[in-house]
Amino acid sequence: MQSFLRVGIPMLGGEKGLVKLCRHIYLRTAGNPRATWIVVLTAALVLAVCYLALSFHERTLYLLAGFTYALGFLLREFFHRWRRK
């Protein structure tokens, strides 16, 4: 869990905060990896903090990259269906 949460973002509370967060997640899931909604929520919060820490121009770049990826993924599906048999 600690290696998953270490993404280079300074965490409030430092190392103690990271340990508390890991312990909280472990206690909430009872060590059960099937309770993934907590892990997904934690990852979403970490990504949201990373995104909001960016400048406006960097955010725009990430949005354009995301749209480009989505367009490429969509076109890949169409090209796969349209190819000759």
C-alpha atoms as a PDB file:
ATOM      1  CA  MET A   1       0.000   0.000   0.000  1.00  0.00           C
ATOM      2  CA  GLN A   2       2.812   2.411   0.811  1.00  0.00           C
ATOM      3  CA  SER A   3       4.495   1.879  -2.557  1.00  0.00           C
ATOM      4  CA  PHE A   4       1.140   2.540  -4.247  1.00  0.00           C
ATOM      5  CA  LEU A   5       0.655   5.808  -2.390  1.00  0.00           C
ATOM      6  CA  ARG A   6       4.222   7.076  -2.876  1.00  0.00           C
ATOM      7  CA  VAL A   7       3.850   9.185  -5.994  1.00  0.00           C
ATOM      8  CA  GLY A   8       6.146  12.051  -5.100  1.00  0.00           C
ATOM      9  CA  ILE A   9       3.475  14.294  -3.616  1.00  0.00           C
ATOM     10  CA  PRO A  10       4.314  15.748  -0.227  1.00  0.00           C
ATOM     11  CA  MET A  11       1.619  14.367   2.058  1.00  0.00           C
ATOM     12  CA  LEU A  12       0.121  16.348   4.887  1.00  0.00           C
ATOM     13  CA  GLY A  13       1.646  14.867   8.002  1.00  0.00           C
ATOM     14  CA  GLY A  14       4.701  13.563   6.144  1.00  0.00           C
ATOM     15  CA  GLU A  15       5.717   9.982   6.801  1.00  0.00           C
ATOM     16  CA  LYS A  16       3.362   9.740   9.785  1.00  0.00           C
ATOM     17  CA  GLY A  17       0.470  10.810   7.567  1.00  0.00           C
ATOM     18  CA  LEU A  18       1.333   8.117   5.026  1.00  0.00           C
ATOM     19  CA  VAL A  19       1.499   5.467   7.746  1.00  0.00           C
ATOM     20  CA  LYS A  20      -1.854   6.617   9.164  1.00  0.00           C
ATOM     21  CA  LEU A  21      -3.455   6.539   5.710  1.00  0.00           C
ATOM     22  CA  CYS A  22      -2.129   3.034   5.030  1.00  0.00           C
ATOM     23  CA  ARG A  23      -3.353   1.847   8.409  1.00  0.00           C
ATOM     24  CA  HIS A  24      -6.778   3.425   7.838  1.00  0.00           C
ATOM     25  CA  ILE A  25      -7.126   1.727   4.446  1.00  0.00           C
ATOM     26  CA  TYR A  26      -5.996  -1.599   5.879  1.00  0.00           C
ATOM     27  CA  LEU A  27      -8.467  -1.378   8.759  1.00  0.00           C
ATOM     28  CA  ARG A  28     -11.350  -0.344   6.494  1.00  0.00           C
ATOM     29  CA  THR A  29     -10.714  -3.225   4.079  1.00  0.00           C
ATOM     30  CA  ALA A  30      -9.801  -5.695   6.871  1.00  0.00           C
ATOM     31  CA  GLY A  31      -6.869  -6.714   4.693  1.00  0.00           C
ATOM     32  CA  ASN A  32      -9.304  -7.820   1.999  1.00  0.00           C
ATOM     33  CA  PRO A  33      -8.064  -6.806  -1.473  1.00  0.00           C
ATOM     34  CA  ARG A  34     -11.593  -7.146  -2.825  1.00  0.00           C
ATOM     35  CA  ALA A  35     -12.588  -3.908  -1.098  1.00  0.00           C
ATOM     36  CA  THR A  36     -11.021  -1.962  -3.927  1.00  0.00           C
ATOM     37  CA  TRP A  37     -13.343   1.036  -3.843  1.00  0.00           C
ATOM     38  CA  ILE A  38     -11.215   2.556  -1.081  1.00  0.00           C
ATOM     39  CA  VAL A  39      -8.045   2.071  -3.116  1.00  0.00           C
ATOM     40  CA  VAL A  40      -9.726   3.503  -6.218  1.00  0.00           C
ATOM     41  CA  LEU A  41     -10.996   6.484  -4.234  1.00  0.00           C
ATOM     42  CA  THR A  42      -7.532   7.076  -2.776  1.00  0.00           C
ATOM     43  CA  ALA A  43      -5.969   6.907  -6.235  1.00  0.00           C
ATOM     44  CA  ALA A  44      -8.592   9.319  -7.592  1.00  0.00           C
ATOM     45  CA  LEU A  45      -7.887  11.789  -4.800  1.00  0.00           C
ATOM     46  CA  VAL A  46      -4.136  11.574  -5.382  1.00  0.00           C
ATOM     47  CA  LEU A  47      -4.614  12.156  -9.116  1.00  0.00           C
ATOM     48  CA  ALA A  48      -6.988  15.055  -8.455  1.00  0.00           C
ATOM     49  CA  VAL A  49      -4.425  16.709  -6.181  1.00  0.00           C
ATOM     50  CA  CYS A  50      -1.728  16.195  -8.823  1.00  0.00           C
ATOM     51  CA  TYR A  51      -3.976  17.661 -11.516  1.00  0.00           C
ATOM     52  CA  LEU A  52      -4.997  20.685  -9.470  1.00  0.00           C
ATOM     53  CA  ALA A  53      -1.353  21.409  -8.645  1.00  0.00           C
ATOM     54  CA  LEU A  54      -0.622  21.958 -12.343  1.00  0.00           C
ATOM     55  CA  SER A  55      -0.656  25.340 -14.037  1.00  0.00           C
ATOM     56  CA  PHE A  56      -3.406  26.259 -16.491  1.00  0.00           C
ATOM     57  CA  HIS A  57      -1.263  25.540 -19.555  1.00  0.00           C
ATOM     58  CA  GLU A  58      -0.222  22.137 -18.218  1.00  0.00           C
ATOM     59  CA  ARG A  59      -3.866  21.278 -17.534  1.00  0.00           C
ATOM     60  CA  THR A  60      -4.747  22.225 -21.093  1.00  0.00           C
ATOM     61  CA  LEU A  61      -1.950  19.999 -22.367  1.00  0.00           C
ATOM     62  CA  TYR A  62      -3.217  17.067 -20.304  1.00  0.00           C
ATOM     63  CA  LEU A  63      -6.774  17.612 -21.542  1.00  0.00           C
ATOM     64  CA  LEU A  64      -5.617  17.680 -25.158  1.00  0.00           C
ATOM     65  CA  ALA A  65      -3.554  14.542 -24.586  1.00  0.00           C
ATOM     66  CA  GLY A  66      -6.575  12.804 -23.056  1.00  0.00           C
ATOM     67  CA  PHE A  67      -8.836  13.772 -25.938  1.00  0.00           C
ATOM     68  CA  THR A  68      -6.191  12.664 -28.437  1.00  0.00           C
ATOM     69  CA  TYR A  69      -5.877   9.304 -26.678  1.00  0.00           C
ATOM     70  CA  ALA A  70      -9.659   8.863 -26.610  1.00  0.00           C
ATOM     71  CA  LEU A  71      -9.903   9.751 -30.296  1.00  0.00           C
ATOM     72  CA  GLY A  72      -7.134   7.298 -31.160  1.00  0.00           C
ATOM     73  CA  PHE A  73      -8.816   4.584 -29.099  1.00  0.00           C
ATOM     74  CA  LEU A  74     -12.127   5.241 -30.849  1.00  0.00           C
ATOM     75  CA  LEU A  75     -10.553   5.311 -34.318  1.00  0.00           C
ATOM     76  CA  ARG A  76      -8.708   2.079 -33.575  1.00  0.00           C
ATOM     77  CA  GLU A  77     -12.037   0.363 -33.042  1.00  0.00           C
ATOM     78  CA  PHE A  78     -13.422   1.682 -36.317  1.00  0.00           C
ATOM     79  CA  PHE A  79     -10.284   0.798 -38.283  1.00  0.00           C
ATOM     80  CA  HIS A  80     -10.410  -2.701 -36.832  1.00  0.00           C
ATOM     81  CA  ARG A  81     -13.997  -3.121 -38.040  1.00  0.00           C
ATOM     82  CA  TRP A  82     -13.398  -1.538 -41.457  1.00  0.00           C
ATOM     83  CA  ARG A  83     -10.293  -3.475 -42.448  1.00  0.00           C
ATOM     84  CA  ARG A  84     -10.506  -5.907 -45.296  1.00  0.00           C
ATOM     85  CA  LYS A  85     -11.087  -9.533 -44.527  1.00  0.00           C
END
